[in-house]
Amino acid sequence: MVCGRPRGKRPRAVHARTGKVRMPISRGGNAEGDPDGGTPRVVLVVDDEPAIRAVTTRALELFGLTVLSAGDGEEALRIFHDHWGEVGCVLLDLSMPRLDGERTFDRLRELDPAARVVLMTGYPLSEAEGRFGGRGLAGFLQKPFELAELKRVVEAVLPATG
């Protein structure tokens, strides 16, 4: 079983919290994670909820992307540092223990002022804008999100490759 479904069956869409299937997605990319055959496009998924991390990671892999994951901000910073120059986008949960999303965002920006960070949260967009307004957030994903929305936001944020 992968993401609560029999192996070989493609998901239609997976609800980030429940794993319920909703809509068709397309599989793309090559084995290296880049649909154009260039350098791999890497996304770092940071969320303290293992189920959300797993479902999001699996969806991004189905989109042909290379995925790294972290369970909290401190782990995310280590991974980002260890994979310096490889991470094209960070999907960052707002509420996490040890180092929350806001402090993790600030530390990521200290490491790389051009880091592309997409906030994932169950809080309303207005709260995220209040906390991150004018700080260069690359995007926002409201939990629970559809796979089509995940793909749209990540593709818009990832740098072009070739």
N, C-alpha and C. Protein backbone atom coordinates (compact mmCIF):
# COMPACT_ATOMS: atom_id res chain seq x y z
N MET A 1 0.83 -1.18 0.00
CA MET A 1 0.00 0.00 0.00
C MET A 1 0.88 1.25 0.00
N VAL A 2 0.50 2.21 -0.80
CA VAL A 2 1.17 3.51 -0.83
C VAL A 2 0.09 4.55 -0.60
N CYS A 3 0.27 5.42 0.38
CA CYS A 3 -0.72 6.46 0.69
C CYS A 3 -2.12 5.88 0.87
N GLY A 4 -2.25 4.69 1.47
CA GLY A 4 -3.55 4.12 1.74
C GLY A 4 -4.25 3.53 0.54
N ARG A 5 -3.51 3.20 -0.52
CA ARG A 5 -4.12 2.62 -1.71
C ARG A 5 -3.26 1.45 -2.19
N PRO A 6 -3.84 0.52 -2.93
CA PRO A 6 -3.07 -0.60 -3.43
C PRO A 6 -1.97 -0.11 -4.37
N ARG A 7 -0.80 -0.75 -4.31
CA ARG A 7 0.33 -0.42 -5.16
C ARG A 7 -0.10 -0.54 -6.62
N GLY A 8 0.34 0.40 -7.44
CA GLY A 8 0.00 0.38 -8.85
C GLY A 8 -1.21 1.24 -9.21
N LYS A 9 -2.02 1.59 -8.23
CA LYS A 9 -3.17 2.45 -8.48
C LYS A 9 -2.74 3.89 -8.28
N ARG A 10 -2.99 4.75 -9.27
CA ARG A 10 -2.62 6.15 -9.16
C ARG A 10 -3.68 6.90 -8.36
N PRO A 11 -3.24 7.80 -7.47
CA PRO A 11 -4.24 8.56 -6.73
C PRO A 11 -4.93 9.57 -7.64
N ARG A 12 -6.14 9.90 -7.30
CA ARG A 12 -6.84 10.95 -8.04
C ARG A 12 -6.55 12.28 -7.39
N ALA A 13 -6.56 12.36 -6.10
CA ALA A 13 -6.10 13.50 -5.29
C ALA A 13 -6.13 13.01 -3.87
N VAL A 14 -5.25 13.51 -3.06
CA VAL A 14 -5.18 13.05 -1.69
C VAL A 14 -5.32 14.23 -0.76
N HIS A 15 -6.30 14.16 0.10
CA HIS A 15 -6.52 15.18 1.11
C HIS A 15 -5.33 15.11 2.07
N ALA A 16 -4.69 16.24 2.37
CA ALA A 16 -3.47 16.27 3.16
C ALA A 16 -3.64 15.67 4.55
N ARG A 17 -4.80 15.77 5.14
CA ARG A 17 -5.00 15.24 6.49
C ARG A 17 -5.63 13.85 6.52
N THR A 18 -6.56 13.58 5.60
CA THR A 18 -7.30 12.32 5.67
C THR A 18 -6.85 11.27 4.68
N GLY A 19 -6.17 11.70 3.61
CA GLY A 19 -5.75 10.75 2.58
C GLY A 19 -6.86 10.38 1.62
N LYS A 20 -8.01 11.07 1.67
CA LYS A 20 -9.13 10.75 0.77
C LYS A 20 -8.79 11.15 -0.66
N VAL A 21 -9.22 10.33 -1.59
CA VAL A 21 -8.95 10.54 -3.01
C VAL A 21 -10.00 11.47 -3.61
N ARG A 22 -9.56 12.44 -4.50
CA ARG A 22 -10.52 13.39 -5.05
C ARG A 22 -10.47 13.60 -6.56
N MET A 23 -9.29 13.74 -7.22
CA MET A 23 -9.28 14.15 -8.61
C MET A 23 -8.07 13.64 -9.36
N PRO A 24 -8.11 13.59 -10.71
CA PRO A 24 -6.98 13.05 -11.46
C PRO A 24 -5.77 13.99 -11.45
N ILE A 25 -4.59 13.37 -11.49
CA ILE A 25 -3.34 14.11 -11.63
C ILE A 25 -2.55 13.46 -12.75
N SER A 26 -1.58 14.17 -13.27
CA SER A 26 -0.76 13.58 -14.31
C SER A 26 0.62 13.30 -13.77
N ARG A 27 1.20 12.24 -14.21
CA ARG A 27 2.56 11.86 -13.83
C ARG A 27 3.48 12.51 -14.84
N GLY A 28 4.55 13.12 -14.37
CA GLY A 28 5.46 13.78 -15.29
C GLY A 28 6.88 13.67 -14.82
N GLY A 29 7.78 14.10 -15.67
CA GLY A 29 9.19 14.13 -15.30
C GLY A 29 9.92 12.86 -15.67
N ASN A 30 11.24 12.93 -15.50
CA ASN A 30 12.06 11.76 -15.75
C ASN A 30 12.56 11.19 -14.44
N ALA A 31 13.39 10.19 -14.49
CA ALA A 31 13.87 9.53 -13.28
C ALA A 31 14.68 10.46 -12.39
N GLU A 32 15.26 11.49 -12.98
CA GLU A 32 16.07 12.41 -12.19
C GLU A 32 15.23 13.51 -11.56
N GLY A 33 13.96 13.59 -11.84
CA GLY A 33 13.09 14.55 -11.19
C GLY A 33 12.86 15.83 -11.95
N ASP A 34 13.29 15.91 -13.21
CA ASP A 34 13.08 17.12 -13.99
C ASP A 34 12.33 16.79 -15.26
N PRO A 35 11.17 17.39 -15.48
CA PRO A 35 10.39 17.07 -16.67
C PRO A 35 11.10 17.44 -17.96
N ASP A 36 12.06 18.34 -17.92
CA ASP A 36 12.76 18.78 -19.12
C ASP A 36 14.08 18.04 -19.33
N GLY A 37 14.45 17.15 -18.42
CA GLY A 37 15.67 16.38 -18.57
C GLY A 37 16.92 17.10 -18.10
N GLY A 38 16.80 18.27 -17.46
CA GLY A 38 17.94 19.02 -16.96
C GLY A 38 18.27 18.60 -15.54
N THR A 39 18.73 19.54 -14.75
CA THR A 39 19.09 19.24 -13.37
C THR A 39 17.84 18.93 -12.55
N PRO A 40 17.97 18.10 -11.51
CA PRO A 40 16.81 17.77 -10.69
C PRO A 40 16.23 19.00 -10.02
N ARG A 41 14.91 19.00 -9.86
CA ARG A 41 14.24 20.06 -9.14
C ARG A 41 13.87 19.49 -7.78
N VAL A 42 14.37 20.11 -6.73
CA VAL A 42 14.25 19.57 -5.38
C VAL A 42 13.35 20.45 -4.53
N VAL A 43 12.43 19.80 -3.82
CA VAL A 43 11.52 20.47 -2.90
C VAL A 43 11.78 19.92 -1.50
N LEU A 44 11.91 20.81 -0.54
CA LEU A 44 12.05 20.42 0.86
C LEU A 44 10.70 20.61 1.53
N VAL A 45 10.11 19.52 2.03
CA VAL A 45 8.82 19.54 2.71
C VAL A 45 9.08 19.53 4.21
N VAL A 46 8.56 20.55 4.92
CA VAL A 46 8.78 20.67 6.36
C VAL A 46 7.43 20.71 7.06
N ASP A 47 7.13 19.64 7.80
CA ASP A 47 5.87 19.55 8.54
C ASP A 47 6.06 18.57 9.67
N ASP A 48 5.55 18.89 10.84
CA ASP A 48 5.71 18.00 12.00
C ASP A 48 4.73 16.84 11.99
N GLU A 49 3.75 16.86 11.11
CA GLU A 49 2.79 15.76 11.04
C GLU A 49 3.26 14.75 9.98
N PRO A 50 3.66 13.54 10.43
CA PRO A 50 4.21 12.54 9.50
C PRO A 50 3.28 12.21 8.34
N ALA A 51 1.97 12.15 8.57
CA ALA A 51 1.04 11.79 7.49
C ALA A 51 1.02 12.87 6.41
N ILE A 52 1.03 14.13 6.81
CA ILE A 52 1.04 15.22 5.83
C ILE A 52 2.34 15.21 5.06
N ARG A 53 3.46 15.02 5.76
CA ARG A 53 4.76 14.93 5.09
C ARG A 53 4.77 13.80 4.07
N ALA A 54 4.26 12.65 4.45
CA ALA A 54 4.29 11.47 3.57
C ALA A 54 3.42 11.68 2.33
N VAL A 55 2.20 12.17 2.52
CA VAL A 55 1.29 12.36 1.39
C VAL A 55 1.82 13.45 0.45
N THR A 56 2.31 14.55 1.02
CA THR A 56 2.85 15.64 0.21
C THR A 56 4.08 15.17 -0.55
N THR A 57 4.96 14.44 0.13
CA THR A 57 6.16 13.91 -0.52
C THR A 57 5.79 13.00 -1.67
N ARG A 58 4.87 12.09 -1.45
CA ARG A 58 4.46 11.15 -2.50
C ARG A 58 3.86 11.89 -3.69
N ALA A 59 3.02 12.86 -3.43
CA ALA A 59 2.42 13.63 -4.52
C ALA A 59 3.49 14.34 -5.33
N LEU A 60 4.43 15.00 -4.67
CA LEU A 60 5.49 15.71 -5.38
C LEU A 60 6.35 14.75 -6.20
N GLU A 61 6.60 13.57 -5.66
CA GLU A 61 7.35 12.56 -6.42
C GLU A 61 6.57 12.14 -7.66
N LEU A 62 5.24 12.00 -7.54
CA LEU A 62 4.42 11.66 -8.70
C LEU A 62 4.45 12.77 -9.75
N PHE A 63 4.70 14.00 -9.31
CA PHE A 63 4.84 15.12 -10.24
C PHE A 63 6.23 15.15 -10.88
N GLY A 64 7.09 14.19 -10.50
CA GLY A 64 8.43 14.10 -11.09
C GLY A 64 9.49 14.92 -10.37
N LEU A 65 9.22 15.31 -9.15
CA LEU A 65 10.17 16.12 -8.40
C LEU A 65 10.96 15.28 -7.40
N THR A 66 12.13 15.75 -7.05
CA THR A 66 12.93 15.13 -5.99
C THR A 66 12.52 15.81 -4.69
N VAL A 67 12.30 15.02 -3.64
CA VAL A 67 11.78 15.56 -2.40
C VAL A 67 12.66 15.19 -1.23
N LEU A 68 12.95 16.17 -0.40
CA LEU A 68 13.59 15.99 0.90
C LEU A 68 12.54 16.34 1.93
N SER A 69 12.59 15.76 3.12
CA SER A 69 11.58 16.11 4.11
C SER A 69 12.20 16.26 5.49
N ALA A 70 11.54 17.09 6.30
CA ALA A 70 11.98 17.37 7.66
C ALA A 70 10.76 17.45 8.56
N GLY A 71 10.92 16.99 9.80
CA GLY A 71 9.83 16.99 10.76
C GLY A 71 9.74 18.23 11.61
N ASP A 72 10.73 19.12 11.53
CA ASP A 72 10.69 20.37 12.27
C ASP A 72 11.67 21.36 11.65
N GLY A 73 11.65 22.58 12.14
CA GLY A 73 12.48 23.63 11.58
C GLY A 73 13.97 23.38 11.71
N GLU A 74 14.38 22.85 12.85
CA GLU A 74 15.81 22.59 13.06
C GLU A 74 16.33 21.57 12.05
N GLU A 75 15.57 20.50 11.85
CA GLU A 75 15.96 19.49 10.86
C GLU A 75 15.96 20.09 9.46
N ALA A 76 14.98 20.95 9.17
CA ALA A 76 14.91 21.60 7.86
C ALA A 76 16.16 22.44 7.59
N LEU A 77 16.60 23.18 8.58
CA LEU A 77 17.79 24.01 8.42
C LEU A 77 19.03 23.16 8.15
N ARG A 78 19.15 22.03 8.84
CA ARG A 78 20.29 21.11 8.58
C ARG A 78 20.25 20.58 7.16
N ILE A 79 19.07 20.13 6.74
CA ILE A 79 18.93 19.58 5.39
C ILE A 79 19.18 20.66 4.34
N PHE A 80 18.63 21.84 4.54
CA PHE A 80 18.83 22.95 3.60
C PHE A 80 20.32 23.27 3.48
N HIS A 81 21.00 23.30 4.60
CA HIS A 81 22.44 23.56 4.60
C HIS A 81 23.20 22.44 3.90
N ASP A 82 22.87 21.18 4.20
CA ASP A 82 23.55 20.03 3.61
C ASP A 82 23.32 19.92 2.10
N HIS A 83 22.21 20.45 1.62
CA HIS A 83 21.86 20.39 0.20
C HIS A 83 21.89 21.80 -0.41
N TRP A 84 22.85 22.58 0.04
CA TRP A 84 23.00 23.97 -0.40
C TRP A 84 23.01 24.05 -1.92
N GLY A 85 22.20 24.91 -2.48
CA GLY A 85 22.16 25.12 -3.91
C GLY A 85 21.30 24.12 -4.67
N GLU A 86 20.80 23.10 -4.01
CA GLU A 86 19.98 22.09 -4.67
C GLU A 86 18.48 22.34 -4.47
N VAL A 87 18.10 22.90 -3.34
CA VAL A 87 16.69 23.06 -2.98
C VAL A 87 16.11 24.26 -3.73
N GLY A 88 15.13 23.99 -4.58
CA GLY A 88 14.51 25.04 -5.36
C GLY A 88 13.30 25.65 -4.69
N CYS A 89 12.73 24.94 -3.70
CA CYS A 89 11.51 25.39 -3.05
C CYS A 89 11.38 24.69 -1.70
N VAL A 90 10.94 25.43 -0.70
CA VAL A 90 10.67 24.88 0.63
C VAL A 90 9.18 25.03 0.90
N LEU A 91 8.51 23.91 1.21
CA LEU A 91 7.12 23.93 1.67
C LEU A 91 7.17 23.87 3.18
N LEU A 92 6.76 24.92 3.85
CA LEU A 92 6.98 25.09 5.28
C LEU A 92 5.68 25.21 6.06
N ASP A 93 5.50 24.30 7.02
CA ASP A 93 4.35 24.38 7.92
C ASP A 93 4.56 25.54 8.89
N LEU A 94 3.50 26.20 9.28
CA LEU A 94 3.61 27.33 10.19
C LEU A 94 3.76 26.89 11.64
N SER A 95 2.95 25.93 12.08
CA SER A 95 2.94 25.52 13.49
C SER A 95 3.70 24.22 13.67
N MET A 96 4.87 24.33 14.30
CA MET A 96 5.70 23.15 14.57
C MET A 96 6.37 23.33 15.92
N PRO A 97 6.69 22.22 16.59
CA PRO A 97 7.43 22.32 17.85
C PRO A 97 8.91 22.65 17.56
N ARG A 98 9.62 22.99 18.59
CA ARG A 98 11.07 23.28 18.57
C ARG A 98 11.40 24.58 17.85
N LEU A 99 11.11 24.67 16.57
CA LEU A 99 11.38 25.88 15.80
C LEU A 99 10.21 26.06 14.84
N ASP A 100 9.36 27.03 15.11
CA ASP A 100 8.14 27.19 14.32
C ASP A 100 8.43 27.69 12.91
N GLY A 101 7.40 27.76 12.09
CA GLY A 101 7.56 28.14 10.70
C GLY A 101 8.10 29.55 10.51
N GLU A 102 7.66 30.47 11.35
CA GLU A 102 8.11 31.86 11.21
C GLU A 102 9.61 31.99 11.50
N ARG A 103 10.07 31.38 12.59
CA ARG A 103 11.51 31.44 12.91
C ARG A 103 12.33 30.63 11.90
N THR A 104 11.78 29.51 11.42
CA THR A 104 12.48 28.73 10.40
C THR A 104 12.63 29.55 9.12
N PHE A 105 11.56 30.25 8.72
CA PHE A 105 11.61 31.12 7.55
C PHE A 105 12.75 32.14 7.70
N ASP A 106 12.81 32.80 8.85
CA ASP A 106 13.85 33.81 9.08
C ASP A 106 15.24 33.21 8.97
N ARG A 107 15.43 32.03 9.54
CA ARG A 107 16.76 31.37 9.49
C ARG A 107 17.10 30.89 8.09
N LEU A 108 16.10 30.40 7.35
CA LEU A 108 16.35 30.02 5.95
C LEU A 108 16.80 31.23 5.16
N ARG A 109 16.15 32.36 5.37
CA ARG A 109 16.50 33.59 4.66
C ARG A 109 17.88 34.11 5.07
N GLU A 110 18.30 33.83 6.30
CA GLU A 110 19.67 34.18 6.70
C GLU A 110 20.67 33.34 5.91
N LEU A 111 20.36 32.06 5.73
CA LEU A 111 21.23 31.17 4.96
C LEU A 111 21.22 31.53 3.48
N ASP A 112 20.04 31.84 2.96
CA ASP A 112 19.89 32.16 1.55
C ASP A 112 18.77 33.19 1.38
N PRO A 113 19.14 34.46 1.20
CA PRO A 113 18.12 35.49 1.06
C PRO A 113 17.15 35.28 -0.11
N ALA A 114 17.54 34.44 -1.08
CA ALA A 114 16.69 34.18 -2.24
C ALA A 114 15.89 32.89 -2.09
N ALA A 115 15.92 32.25 -0.92
CA ALA A 115 15.19 30.99 -0.72
C ALA A 115 13.72 31.19 -1.04
N ARG A 116 13.18 30.26 -1.82
CA ARG A 116 11.76 30.30 -2.20
C ARG A 116 10.98 29.45 -1.19
N VAL A 117 10.16 30.11 -0.39
CA VAL A 117 9.43 29.44 0.68
C VAL A 117 7.93 29.60 0.47
N VAL A 118 7.24 28.46 0.49
CA VAL A 118 5.77 28.43 0.40
C VAL A 118 5.26 28.01 1.77
N LEU A 119 4.39 28.81 2.35
CA LEU A 119 3.82 28.50 3.65
C LEU A 119 2.64 27.56 3.49
N MET A 120 2.64 26.47 4.28
CA MET A 120 1.50 25.54 4.32
C MET A 120 0.90 25.65 5.72
N THR A 121 -0.39 25.96 5.80
CA THR A 121 -0.99 26.09 7.11
C THR A 121 -2.50 25.92 7.05
N GLY A 122 -3.05 25.54 8.16
CA GLY A 122 -4.50 25.48 8.31
C GLY A 122 -5.08 26.82 8.73
N TYR A 123 -4.20 27.75 9.10
CA TYR A 123 -4.66 29.10 9.47
C TYR A 123 -5.09 29.86 8.23
N PRO A 124 -5.95 30.86 8.40
CA PRO A 124 -6.41 31.65 7.24
C PRO A 124 -5.27 32.44 6.60
N LEU A 125 -5.42 32.70 5.32
CA LEU A 125 -4.44 33.48 4.56
C LEU A 125 -4.19 34.83 5.22
N SER A 126 -5.24 35.44 5.76
CA SER A 126 -5.08 36.76 6.39
C SER A 126 -4.09 36.72 7.55
N GLU A 127 -4.09 35.63 8.33
CA GLU A 127 -3.13 35.51 9.43
C GLU A 127 -1.72 35.34 8.89
N ALA A 128 -1.57 34.53 7.86
CA ALA A 128 -0.25 34.33 7.25
C ALA A 128 0.27 35.64 6.68
N GLU A 129 -0.60 36.39 6.01
CA GLU A 129 -0.19 37.68 5.46
C GLU A 129 0.21 38.65 6.56
N GLY A 130 -0.50 38.60 7.69
CA GLY A 130 -0.17 39.46 8.82
C GLY A 130 1.20 39.15 9.39
N ARG A 131 1.55 37.87 9.43
CA ARG A 131 2.84 37.46 10.00
C ARG A 131 3.99 37.54 8.99
N PHE A 132 3.69 37.36 7.70
CA PHE A 132 4.75 37.28 6.69
C PHE A 132 4.69 38.39 5.65
N GLY A 133 3.72 39.29 5.76
CA GLY A 133 3.55 40.35 4.77
C GLY A 133 4.83 41.14 4.53
N GLY A 134 5.19 41.29 3.27
CA GLY A 134 6.37 42.07 2.91
C GLY A 134 7.70 41.38 3.15
N ARG A 135 7.67 40.10 3.52
CA ARG A 135 8.92 39.40 3.83
C ARG A 135 9.36 38.47 2.71
N GLY A 136 8.63 38.46 1.62
CA GLY A 136 9.07 37.70 0.47
C GLY A 136 8.66 36.25 0.43
N LEU A 137 7.52 35.93 1.03
CA LEU A 137 6.99 34.58 0.95
C LEU A 137 6.65 34.28 -0.51
N ALA A 138 7.08 33.13 -1.02
CA ALA A 138 6.90 32.80 -2.44
C ALA A 138 5.49 32.31 -2.75
N GLY A 139 4.78 31.80 -1.75
CA GLY A 139 3.45 31.28 -2.00
C GLY A 139 2.79 30.82 -0.72
N PHE A 140 1.55 30.38 -0.86
CA PHE A 140 0.74 29.97 0.28
C PHE A 140 -0.13 28.79 -0.12
N LEU A 141 -0.16 27.77 0.73
CA LEU A 141 -1.05 26.62 0.54
C LEU A 141 -1.91 26.50 1.79
N GLN A 142 -3.22 26.63 1.62
CA GLN A 142 -4.16 26.48 2.72
C GLN A 142 -4.46 25.00 2.92
N LYS A 143 -4.17 24.46 4.11
CA LYS A 143 -4.51 23.07 4.42
C LYS A 143 -5.98 22.99 4.76
N PRO A 144 -6.67 21.97 4.36
CA PRO A 144 -6.20 20.92 3.44
C PRO A 144 -6.21 21.44 2.01
N PHE A 145 -5.25 20.97 1.21
CA PHE A 145 -5.17 21.44 -0.17
C PHE A 145 -5.33 20.29 -1.14
N GLU A 146 -5.80 20.61 -2.32
CA GLU A 146 -5.96 19.65 -3.41
C GLU A 146 -4.59 19.44 -4.06
N LEU A 147 -4.37 18.28 -4.64
CA LEU A 147 -3.10 18.01 -5.32
C LEU A 147 -2.89 18.95 -6.50
N ALA A 148 -3.95 19.31 -7.18
CA ALA A 148 -3.82 20.24 -8.30
C ALA A 148 -3.29 21.59 -7.82
N GLU A 149 -3.74 22.04 -6.65
CA GLU A 149 -3.27 23.30 -6.08
C GLU A 149 -1.81 23.18 -5.66
N LEU A 150 -1.44 22.06 -5.05
CA LEU A 150 -0.04 21.81 -4.68
C LEU A 150 0.84 21.90 -5.91
N LYS A 151 0.45 21.22 -6.96
CA LYS A 151 1.24 21.22 -8.19
C LYS A 151 1.33 22.62 -8.78
N ARG A 152 0.22 23.34 -8.84
CA ARG A 152 0.20 24.69 -9.41
C ARG A 152 1.16 25.61 -8.65
N VAL A 153 1.08 25.59 -7.32
CA VAL A 153 1.91 26.49 -6.51
C VAL A 153 3.39 26.12 -6.63
N VAL A 154 3.71 24.85 -6.53
CA VAL A 154 5.12 24.43 -6.59
C VAL A 154 5.71 24.72 -7.97
N GLU A 155 4.97 24.42 -9.02
CA GLU A 155 5.49 24.69 -10.37
C GLU A 155 5.71 26.17 -10.60
N ALA A 156 4.85 27.01 -10.02
CA ALA A 156 5.00 28.46 -10.18
C ALA A 156 6.21 28.99 -9.42
N VAL A 157 6.58 28.32 -8.33
CA VAL A 157 7.65 28.79 -7.46
C VAL A 157 9.02 28.24 -7.85
N LEU A 158 9.06 27.00 -8.33
CA LEU A 158 10.35 26.39 -8.68
C LEU A 158 11.06 27.17 -9.77
N PRO A 159 12.37 27.29 -9.65
CA PRO A 159 13.12 27.97 -10.71
C PRO A 159 13.11 27.14 -11.99
N ALA A 160 13.18 27.81 -13.12
CA ALA A 160 13.27 27.12 -14.40
C ALA A 160 14.58 26.36 -14.46
N THR A 161 14.56 25.19 -15.10
CA THR A 161 15.78 24.39 -15.23
C THR A 161 16.05 24.14 -16.69
N GLY A 162 17.21 23.58 -16.94
CA GLY A 162 17.51 23.25 -18.32
C GLY A 162 18.93 22.99 -18.57
